[in-house]
Amino acid sequence: DAAVQLIGDASDYLRPGLSGASPEFLSIYG
């Protein structure tokens, strides 16, 4: 449950970077 919560929170933190994201960022995000 803590892992699911962390991934949700981390994705919210990272999502603004999806605009014009580099391949490196997209790979990590996925």
Full PDB file with SEQRES, HELIX, SHEET, SSBOND, CRYST1, ORIGX, SCALE, CONECT and MASTER records, all heavy atoms in Angstrom:
SEQRES   1 A   30  ASP ALA ALA VAL GLN LEU ILE GLY ASP ALA SER ASP TYR          
SEQRES   2 A   30  LEU ARG PRO GLY LEU SER GLY ALA SER PRO GLU PHE LEU          
SEQRES   3 A   30  SER ILE TYR GLY                                              
HELIX    1 AA1 ALA A    2  LEU A   14  1                                  13    
HELIX    2 AA2 ARG A   15  LEU A   18  5                                   4    
HELIX    3 AA3 PRO A   23  TYR A   29  1                                   7    
CRYST1    1.000    1.000    1.000  90.00  90.00  90.00 P 1           1          
ORIGX1      1.000000  0.000000  0.000000        0.00000                         
ORIGX2      0.000000  1.000000  0.000000        0.00000                         
ORIGX3      0.000000  0.000000  1.000000        0.00000                         
SCALE1      1.000000  0.000000  0.000000        0.00000                         
SCALE2      0.000000  1.000000  0.000000        0.00000                         
SCALE3      0.000000  0.000000  1.000000        0.00000                         
ATOM      1  N   ASP A   1       0.832  -1.210   0.000  1.00  0.00           N  
ATOM      2  CA  ASP A   1       0.000   0.000   0.000  1.00  0.00           C  
ATOM      3  C   ASP A   1       0.864   1.257   0.000  1.00  0.00           C  
ATOM      4  O   ASP A   1       0.556   2.238  -0.698  1.00  0.00           O  
ATOM      5  CB  ASP A   1      -0.937   0.003   1.224  1.00  0.00           C  
ATOM      6  CG  ASP A   1      -1.999  -1.077   1.144  1.00  0.00           C  
ATOM      7  OD1 ASP A   1      -2.374  -1.454   0.018  1.00  0.00           O  
ATOM      8  OD2 ASP A   1      -2.449  -1.544   2.203  1.00  0.00           O  
ATOM      9  N   ALA A   2       1.947   1.228   0.793  1.00  0.00           N  
ATOM     10  CA  ALA A   2       2.838   2.382   0.832  1.00  0.00           C  
ATOM     11  C   ALA A   2       3.518   2.593  -0.518  1.00  0.00           C  
ATOM     12  O   ALA A   2       3.722   3.736  -0.955  1.00  0.00           O  
ATOM     13  CB  ALA A   2       3.900   2.192   1.927  1.00  0.00           C  
ATOM     14  N   ALA A   3       3.857   1.496  -1.206  1.00  0.00           N  
ATOM     15  CA  ALA A   3       4.483   1.613  -2.522  1.00  0.00           C  
ATOM     16  C   ALA A   3       3.515   2.228  -3.529  1.00  0.00           C  
ATOM     17  O   ALA A   3       3.901   3.085  -4.338  1.00  0.00           O  
ATOM     18  CB  ALA A   3       4.956   0.239  -3.007  1.00  0.00           C  
ATOM     19  N   VAL A   4       2.254   1.805  -3.490  1.00  0.00           N  
ATOM     20  CA  VAL A   4       1.247   2.375  -4.399  1.00  0.00           C  
ATOM     21  C   VAL A   4       1.085   3.871  -4.131  1.00  0.00           C  
ATOM     22  O   VAL A   4       1.027   4.683  -5.059  1.00  0.00           O  
ATOM     23  CB  VAL A   4      -0.100   1.638  -4.234  1.00  0.00           C  
ATOM     24  CG1 VAL A   4      -1.209   2.358  -5.009  1.00  0.00           C  
ATOM     25  CG2 VAL A   4       0.013   0.204  -4.716  1.00  0.00           C  
ATOM     26  N   GLN A   5       1.034   4.240  -2.862  1.00  0.00           N  
ATOM     27  CA  GLN A   5       0.894   5.654  -2.500  1.00  0.00           C  
ATOM     28  C   GLN A   5       2.092   6.457  -2.990  1.00  0.00           C  
ATOM     29  O   GLN A   5       1.947   7.560  -3.541  1.00  0.00           O  
ATOM     30  CB  GLN A   5       0.771   5.786  -0.976  1.00  0.00           C  
ATOM     31  CG  GLN A   5       0.605   7.214  -0.469  1.00  0.00           C  
ATOM     32  CD  GLN A   5      -0.746   7.800  -0.799  1.00  0.00           C  
ATOM     33  OE1 GLN A   5      -1.771   7.185  -0.505  1.00  0.00           O  
ATOM     34  NE2 GLN A   5      -0.776   8.970  -1.409  1.00  0.00           N  
ATOM     35  N   LEU A   6       3.295   5.905  -2.798  1.00  0.00           N  
ATOM     36  CA  LEU A   6       4.508   6.600  -3.227  1.00  0.00           C  
ATOM     37  C   LEU A   6       4.498   6.836  -4.739  1.00  0.00           C  
ATOM     38  O   LEU A   6       4.797   7.940  -5.205  1.00  0.00           O  
ATOM     39  CB  LEU A   6       5.742   5.791  -2.851  1.00  0.00           C  
ATOM     40  CG  LEU A   6       7.053   6.307  -3.449  1.00  0.00           C  
ATOM     41  CD1 LEU A   6       7.498   7.581  -2.763  1.00  0.00           C  
ATOM     42  CD2 LEU A   6       8.150   5.260  -3.404  1.00  0.00           C  
ATOM     43  N   ILE A   7       4.148   5.800  -5.509  1.00  0.00           N  
ATOM     44  CA  ILE A   7       4.161   5.941  -6.966  1.00  0.00           C  
ATOM     45  C   ILE A   7       3.153   6.995  -7.399  1.00  0.00           C  
ATOM     46  O   ILE A   7       3.425   7.814  -8.287  1.00  0.00           O  
ATOM     47  CB  ILE A   7       3.846   4.593  -7.643  1.00  0.00           C  
ATOM     48  CG1 ILE A   7       4.908   3.554  -7.273  1.00  0.00           C  
ATOM     49  CG2 ILE A   7       3.766   4.760  -9.157  1.00  0.00           C  
ATOM     50  CD1 ILE A   7       6.321   3.952  -7.556  1.00  0.00           C  
ATOM     51  N   GLY A   8       1.986   7.014  -6.762  1.00  0.00           N  
ATOM     52  CA  GLY A   8       0.994   8.042  -7.085  1.00  0.00           C  
ATOM     53  C   GLY A   8       1.503   9.438  -6.786  1.00  0.00           C  
ATOM     54  O   GLY A   8       1.365  10.354  -7.616  1.00  0.00           O  
ATOM     55  N   ASP A   9       2.108   9.608  -5.620  1.00  0.00           N  
ATOM     56  CA  ASP A   9       2.632  10.925  -5.245  1.00  0.00           C  
ATOM     57  C   ASP A   9       3.806  11.331  -6.138  1.00  0.00           C  
ATOM     58  O   ASP A   9       3.914  12.497  -6.552  1.00  0.00           O  
ATOM     59  CB  ASP A   9       3.083  10.911  -3.779  1.00  0.00           C  
ATOM     60  CG  ASP A   9       1.914  10.782  -2.802  1.00  0.00           C  
ATOM     61  OD1 ASP A   9       0.764  11.032  -3.225  1.00  0.00           O  
ATOM     62  OD2 ASP A   9       2.158  10.424  -1.635  1.00  0.00           O  
ATOM     63  N   ALA A  10       4.690  10.371  -6.423  1.00  0.00           N  
ATOM     64  CA  ALA A  10       5.846  10.676  -7.277  1.00  0.00           C  
ATOM     65  C   ALA A  10       5.404  11.056  -8.688  1.00  0.00           C  
ATOM     66  O   ALA A  10       5.967  11.975  -9.293  1.00  0.00           O  
ATOM     67  CB  ALA A  10       6.784   9.470  -7.326  1.00  0.00           C  
ATOM     68  N   SER A  11       4.396  10.369  -9.213  1.00  0.00           N  
ATOM     69  CA  SER A  11       3.925  10.694 -10.567  1.00  0.00           C  
ATOM     70  C   SER A  11       3.302  12.085 -10.604  1.00  0.00           C  
ATOM     71  O   SER A  11       3.455  12.814 -11.591  1.00  0.00           O  
ATOM     72  CB  SER A  11       2.928   9.641 -11.043  1.00  0.00           C  
ATOM     73  OG  SER A  11       1.752   9.637 -10.241  1.00  0.00           O  
ATOM     74  N   ASP A  12       2.601  12.455  -9.532  1.00  0.00           N  
ATOM     75  CA  ASP A  12       2.050  13.812  -9.470  1.00  0.00           C  
ATOM     76  C   ASP A  12       3.170  14.852  -9.483  1.00  0.00           C  
ATOM     77  O   ASP A  12       3.045  15.909 -10.111  1.00  0.00           O  
ATOM     78  CB  ASP A  12       1.204  13.974  -8.206  1.00  0.00           C  
ATOM     79  CG  ASP A  12      -0.102  13.175  -8.273  1.00  0.00           C  
ATOM     80  OD1 ASP A  12      -0.512  12.800  -9.390  1.00  0.00           O  
ATOM     81  OD2 ASP A  12      -0.691  12.924  -7.204  1.00  0.00           O  
ATOM     82  N   TYR A  13       4.264  14.550  -8.781  1.00  0.00           N  
ATOM     83  CA  TYR A  13       5.402  15.468  -8.726  1.00  0.00           C  
ATOM     84  C   TYR A  13       6.076  15.584 -10.094  1.00  0.00           C  
ATOM     85  O   TYR A  13       6.499  16.669 -10.509  1.00  0.00           O  
ATOM     86  CB  TYR A  13       6.396  14.964  -7.680  1.00  0.00           C  
ATOM     87  CG  TYR A  13       7.698  15.732  -7.632  1.00  0.00           C  
ATOM     88  CD1 TYR A  13       7.804  16.923  -6.918  1.00  0.00           C  
ATOM     89  CD2 TYR A  13       8.829  15.261  -8.305  1.00  0.00           C  
ATOM     90  CE1 TYR A  13       8.997  17.628  -6.871  1.00  0.00           C  
ATOM     91  CE2 TYR A  13      10.026  15.964  -8.267  1.00  0.00           C  
ATOM     92  CZ  TYR A  13      10.106  17.146  -7.549  1.00  0.00           C  
ATOM     93  OH  TYR A  13      11.287  17.836  -7.518  1.00  0.00           O  
ATOM     94  N   LEU A  14       6.164  14.460 -10.807  1.00  0.00           N  
ATOM     95  CA  LEU A  14       6.906  14.428 -12.075  1.00  0.00           C  
ATOM     96  C   LEU A  14       6.059  14.815 -13.281  1.00  0.00           C  
ATOM     97  O   LEU A  14       6.609  15.204 -14.314  1.00  0.00           O  
ATOM     98  CB  LEU A  14       7.472  13.017 -12.303  1.00  0.00           C  
ATOM     99  CG  LEU A  14       8.536  12.548 -11.307  1.00  0.00           C  
ATOM    100  CD1 LEU A  14       8.820  11.059 -11.514  1.00  0.00           C  
ATOM    101  CD2 LEU A  14       9.824  13.348 -11.452  1.00  0.00           C  
ATOM    102  N   ARG A  15       4.738  14.716 -13.179  1.00  0.00           N  
ATOM    103  CA  ARG A  15       3.873  14.890 -14.347  1.00  0.00           C  
ATOM    104  C   ARG A  15       4.085  16.212 -15.086  1.00  0.00           C  
ATOM    105  O   ARG A  15       4.036  16.240 -16.328  1.00  0.00           O  
ATOM    106  CB  ARG A  15       2.411  14.716 -13.948  1.00  0.00           C  
ATOM    107  CG  ARG A  15       1.459  14.636 -15.152  1.00  0.00           C  
ATOM    108  CD  ARG A  15       0.069  14.210 -14.756  1.00  0.00           C  
ATOM    109  NE  ARG A  15       0.050  12.814 -14.382  1.00  0.00           N  
ATOM    110  CZ  ARG A  15      -0.160  12.359 -13.149  1.00  0.00           C  
ATOM    111  NH1 ARG A  15      -0.344  13.226 -12.160  1.00  0.00           N  
ATOM    112  NH2 ARG A  15      -0.165  11.079 -12.878  1.00  0.00           N  
ATOM    113  N   PRO A  16       4.320  17.342 -14.396  1.00  0.00           N  
ATOM    114  CA  PRO A  16       4.552  18.591 -15.142  1.00  0.00           C  
ATOM    115  C   PRO A  16       5.728  18.507 -16.119  1.00  0.00           C  
ATOM    116  O   PRO A  16       5.774  19.255 -17.103  1.00  0.00           O  
ATOM    117  CB  PRO A  16       4.814  19.626 -14.037  1.00  0.00           C  
ATOM    118  CG  PRO A  16       4.091  19.091 -12.838  1.00  0.00           C  
ATOM    119  CD  PRO A  16       4.238  17.611 -12.937  1.00  0.00           C  
ATOM    120  N   GLY A  17       6.662  17.608 -15.878  1.00  0.00           N  
ATOM    121  CA  GLY A  17       7.816  17.487 -16.760  1.00  0.00           C  
ATOM    122  C   GLY A  17       7.535  16.715 -18.038  1.00  0.00           C  
ATOM    123  O   GLY A  17       8.429  16.586 -18.897  1.00  0.00           O  
ATOM    124  N   LEU A  18       6.310  16.191 -18.205  1.00  0.00           N  
ATOM    125  CA  LEU A  18       5.995  15.426 -19.408  1.00  0.00           C  
ATOM    126  C   LEU A  18       5.960  16.297 -20.653  1.00  0.00           C  
ATOM    127  O   LEU A  18       6.146  15.811 -21.768  1.00  0.00           O  
ATOM    128  CB  LEU A  18       4.647  14.710 -19.240  1.00  0.00           C  
ATOM    129  CG  LEU A  18       4.649  13.479 -18.332  1.00  0.00           C  
ATOM    130  CD1 LEU A  18       3.238  12.959 -18.151  1.00  0.00           C  
ATOM    131  CD2 LEU A  18       5.557  12.394 -18.904  1.00  0.00           C  
ATOM    132  N   SER A  19       5.689  17.583 -20.480  1.00  0.00           N  
ATOM    133  CA  SER A  19       5.671  18.483 -21.633  1.00  0.00           C  
ATOM    134  C   SER A  19       7.097  18.654 -22.159  1.00  0.00           C  
ATOM    135  O   SER A  19       7.966  19.185 -21.478  1.00  0.00           O  
ATOM    136  CB  SER A  19       5.088  19.843 -21.226  1.00  0.00           C  
ATOM    137  OG  SER A  19       5.128  20.745 -22.304  1.00  0.00           O  
ATOM    138  N   GLY A  20       7.327  18.172 -23.358  1.00  0.00           N  
ATOM    139  CA  GLY A  20       8.664  18.244 -23.936  1.00  0.00           C  
ATOM    140  C   GLY A  20       9.666  17.347 -23.241  1.00  0.00           C  
ATOM    141  O   GLY A  20      10.857  17.664 -23.209  1.00  0.00           O  
ATOM    142  N   ALA A  21       9.193  16.218 -22.686  1.00  0.00           N  
ATOM    143  CA  ALA A  21      10.077  15.336 -21.927  1.00  0.00           C  
ATOM    144  C   ALA A  21      11.106  14.655 -22.820  1.00  0.00           C  
ATOM    145  O   ALA A  21      10.838  14.332 -23.975  1.00  0.00           O  
ATOM    146  CB  ALA A  21       9.244  14.268 -21.210  1.00  0.00           C  
ATOM    147  N   SER A  22      12.293  14.426 -22.264  1.00  0.00           N  
ATOM    148  CA  SER A  22      13.356  13.714 -22.964  1.00  0.00           C  
ATOM    149  C   SER A  22      13.058  12.214 -22.926  1.00  0.00           C  
ATOM    150  O   SER A  22      12.270  11.743 -22.099  1.00  0.00           O  
ATOM    151  CB  SER A  22      14.694  13.977 -22.288  1.00  0.00           C  
ATOM    152  OG  SER A  22      14.700  13.428 -20.972  1.00  0.00           O  
ATOM    153  N   PRO A  23      13.699  11.434 -23.807  1.00  0.00           N  
ATOM    154  CA  PRO A  23      13.536   9.969 -23.744  1.00  0.00           C  
ATOM    155  C   PRO A  23      13.922   9.409 -22.376  1.00  0.00           C  
ATOM    156  O   PRO A  23      13.277   8.481 -21.883  1.00  0.00           O  
ATOM    157  CB  PRO A  23      14.470   9.459 -24.852  1.00  0.00           C  
ATOM    158  CG  PRO A  23      14.538  10.591 -25.828  1.00  0.00           C  
ATOM    159  CD  PRO A  23      14.496  11.839 -24.984  1.00  0.00           C  
ATOM    160  N   GLU A  24      14.956   9.969 -21.775  1.00  0.00           N  
ATOM    161  CA  GLU A  24      15.380   9.521 -20.453  1.00  0.00           C  
ATOM    162  C   GLU A  24      14.260   9.697 -19.435  1.00  0.00           C  
ATOM    163  O   GLU A  24      13.951   8.791 -18.657  1.00  0.00           O  
ATOM    164  CB  GLU A  24      16.615  10.320 -20.031  1.00  0.00           C  
ATOM    165  CG  GLU A  24      17.146   9.993 -18.655  1.00  0.00           C  
ATOM    166  CD  GLU A  24      18.239  10.956 -18.237  1.00  0.00           C  
ATOM    167  OE1 GLU A  24      18.519  11.921 -18.979  1.00  0.00           O  
ATOM    168  OE2 GLU A  24      18.808  10.740 -17.167  1.00  0.00           O  
ATOM    169  N   PHE A  25      13.618  10.874 -19.464  1.00  0.00           N  
ATOM    170  CA  PHE A  25      12.544  11.150 -18.518  1.00  0.00           C  
ATOM    171  C   PHE A  25      11.348  10.228 -18.776  1.00  0.00           C  
ATOM    172  O   PHE A  25      10.752   9.677 -17.842  1.00  0.00           O  
ATOM    173  CB  PHE A  25      12.114  12.620 -18.631  1.00  0.00           C  
ATOM    174  CG  PHE A  25      11.079  13.038 -17.621  1.00  0.00           C  
ATOM    175  CD1 PHE A  25      11.450  13.548 -16.391  1.00  0.00           C  
ATOM    176  CD2 PHE A  25       9.717  12.916 -17.901  1.00  0.00           C  
ATOM    177  CE1 PHE A  25      10.499  13.933 -15.451  1.00  0.00           C  
ATOM    178  CE2 PHE A  25       8.760  13.304 -16.978  1.00  0.00           C  
ATOM    179  CZ  PHE A  25       9.147  13.814 -15.743  1.00  0.00           C  
ATOM    180  N   LEU A  26      10.969  10.054 -20.051  1.00  0.00           N  
ATOM    181  CA  LEU A  26       9.834   9.192 -20.382  1.00  0.00           C  
ATOM    182  C   LEU A  26      10.083   7.749 -19.954  1.00  0.00           C  
ATOM    183  O   LEU A  26       9.174   7.058 -19.480  1.00  0.00           O  
ATOM    184  CB  LEU A  26       9.554   9.250 -21.885  1.00  0.00           C  
ATOM    185  CG  LEU A  26       8.878  10.514 -22.409  1.00  0.00           C  
ATOM    186  CD1 LEU A  26       8.838  10.490 -23.932  1.00  0.00           C  
ATOM    187  CD2 LEU A  26       7.458  10.640 -21.848  1.00  0.00           C  
ATOM    188  N   SER A  27      11.313   7.288 -20.138  1.00  0.00           N  
ATOM    189  CA  SER A  27      11.656   5.927 -19.741  1.00  0.00           C  
ATOM    190  C   SER A  27      11.480   5.741 -18.238  1.00  0.00           C  
ATOM    191  O   SER A  27      10.893   4.755 -17.783  1.00  0.00           O  
ATOM    192  CB  SER A  27      13.098   5.614 -20.156  1.00  0.00           C  
ATOM    193  OG  SER A  27      13.480   4.335 -19.711  1.00  0.00           O  
ATOM    194  N   ILE A  28      11.996   6.686 -17.468  1.00  0.00           N  
ATOM    195  CA  ILE A  28      11.872   6.609 -16.012  1.00  0.00           C  
ATOM    196  C   ILE A  28      10.416   6.721 -15.599  1.00  0.00           C  
ATOM    197  O   ILE A  28       9.931   5.975 -14.737  1.00  0.00           O  
ATOM    198  CB  ILE A  28      12.705   7.724 -15.342  1.00  0.00           C  
ATOM    199  CG1 ILE A  28      14.202   7.485 -15.582  1.00  0.00           C  
ATOM    200  CG2 ILE A  28      12.399   7.812 -13.854  1.00  0.00           C  
ATOM    201  CD1 ILE A  28      14.720   6.181 -15.033  1.00  0.00           C  
ATOM    202  N   TYR A  29       9.688   7.644 -16.220  1.00  0.00           N  
ATOM    203  CA  TYR A  29       8.280   7.856 -15.869  1.00  0.00           C  
ATOM    204  C   TYR A  29       7.477   6.572 -16.116  1.00  0.00           C  
ATOM    205  O   TYR A  29       6.645   6.177 -15.297  1.00  0.00           O  
ATOM    206  CB  TYR A  29       7.723   9.005 -16.707  1.00  0.00           C  
ATOM    207  CG  TYR A  29       6.346   9.471 -16.303  1.00  0.00           C  
ATOM    208  CD1 TYR A  29       6.174  10.292 -15.194  1.00  0.00           C  
ATOM    209  CD2 TYR A  29       5.220   9.106 -17.041  1.00  0.00           C  
ATOM    210  CE1 TYR A  29       4.915  10.728 -14.817  1.00  0.00           C  
ATOM    211  CE2 TYR A  29       3.956   9.545 -16.677  1.00  0.00           C  
ATOM    212  CZ  TYR A  29       3.810  10.351 -15.572  1.00  0.00           C  
ATOM    213  OH  TYR A  29       2.553  10.792 -15.208  1.00  0.00           O  
ATOM    214  N   GLY A  30       7.722   5.923 -17.252  1.00  0.00           N  
ATOM    215  CA  GLY A  30       6.989   4.705 -17.560  1.00  0.00           C  
ATOM    216  C   GLY A  30       7.308   3.562 -16.616  1.00  0.00           C  
ATOM    217  O   GLY A  30       6.410   2.865 -16.128  1.00  0.00           O  
TER     218      GLY A  30                                                      
MASTER        0    0    0    3    0    0    0    6  217    1    0    3          
END                                                                             
